[in-house]
Amino acid sequence: MPESEKEAVPAPPRPRRKKGGGAKLLFISLIVLALAGIIVYLLSLLNSKTFFLVPENGELVVKKGIFFPVGSELYQPPEPGLAALYAPIDLPDELKHAGPMEFDDLPSLNREFGKYLIGLATTLVFSDDEIQYKKGRAYLERVRKLHGLDPAQVDRVKSLRADVDYIEAKRAYLGVERTLEKALKKFKQAETFGSGRFGDANEWINKIETLLEAIRVTKAGVAKPLPKAEIETVPLPTLTPEDSTAPDIGEPEPDKPSPKSPRRALPPDGI
């Protein structure tokens, strides 16, 4: 039989698309988007609870993550009064080439931040420069308020605070002497050139000279401490020009004023 007369072989039927295929694809896409959204949310939440110490423009800056997978901003404590506690500080030398440091919570950041505050305070509070000293003292006051420090840091802060107390006490002592000297000069001017309205200028001169003499004797290191009960009642001796060395005042009796002292005992109201 000729080929042209052969019956044509029917073509195989095309496969039919299953109903609902587009809806299933859309559903899968929504699930993927939802999972991606959840992941982004969790990463954003995690980042928003993360704290950072960032070397920036020559300072060490405290930052907190924003609600986004990446990024941070200057940390603002919930209590406005604590904002100064986390203000930027001088960048420590060991962090000049360091990158940002991350912390999972605030106590962890406080311990690391406190370490650098203590280090800076240790260097600055013993400086002879007044500006540097004040900055170091301010750093020390800040680290005292940080929560979550470890015991070793707490002990170090207490030790530094005691050293600062010594420095402040010595400054106060020297300041008293300078203040008394200025007051003495003014009282003498008032006694010499005053109108006579105030008649007790000489009495104040005697008081101040007695105190200054006591300070000089004490600084010479030869005075014996008086019993506490007698400190306010026993007059101190006054050195005369012919005395080559400061006398040892010993323990004078309350009812027997020192014969070397031309001053009368201090009045009950003290200075």
Foldseek 3Di string as FASTA:
>chain_A
DDPVPDDDDDDDDDDDDDPCPVVVVVVVVVVVVVVVVVVFQVLLVQQQQKWKFACDPQWTFIWGGHSTNDDIDGDCDPDNVCSVLRGIDGDDPVCPPPGMDMDNHQLVVLQVLLVVLLVQLVVQCPDPDPVSNVSSVVSLVSNVPRPNHDPVSVVSSVVSVVVSVVVVVVVVVVVVLVVLVVVLVVLVCCVVPNPCPDVCSVVSNLLSLQVNQVVVLVVVPQEDDEPPVCPQQAGDADDDPVDPDDDHPPYDDSVDHDPRHPDDTAPPVRD
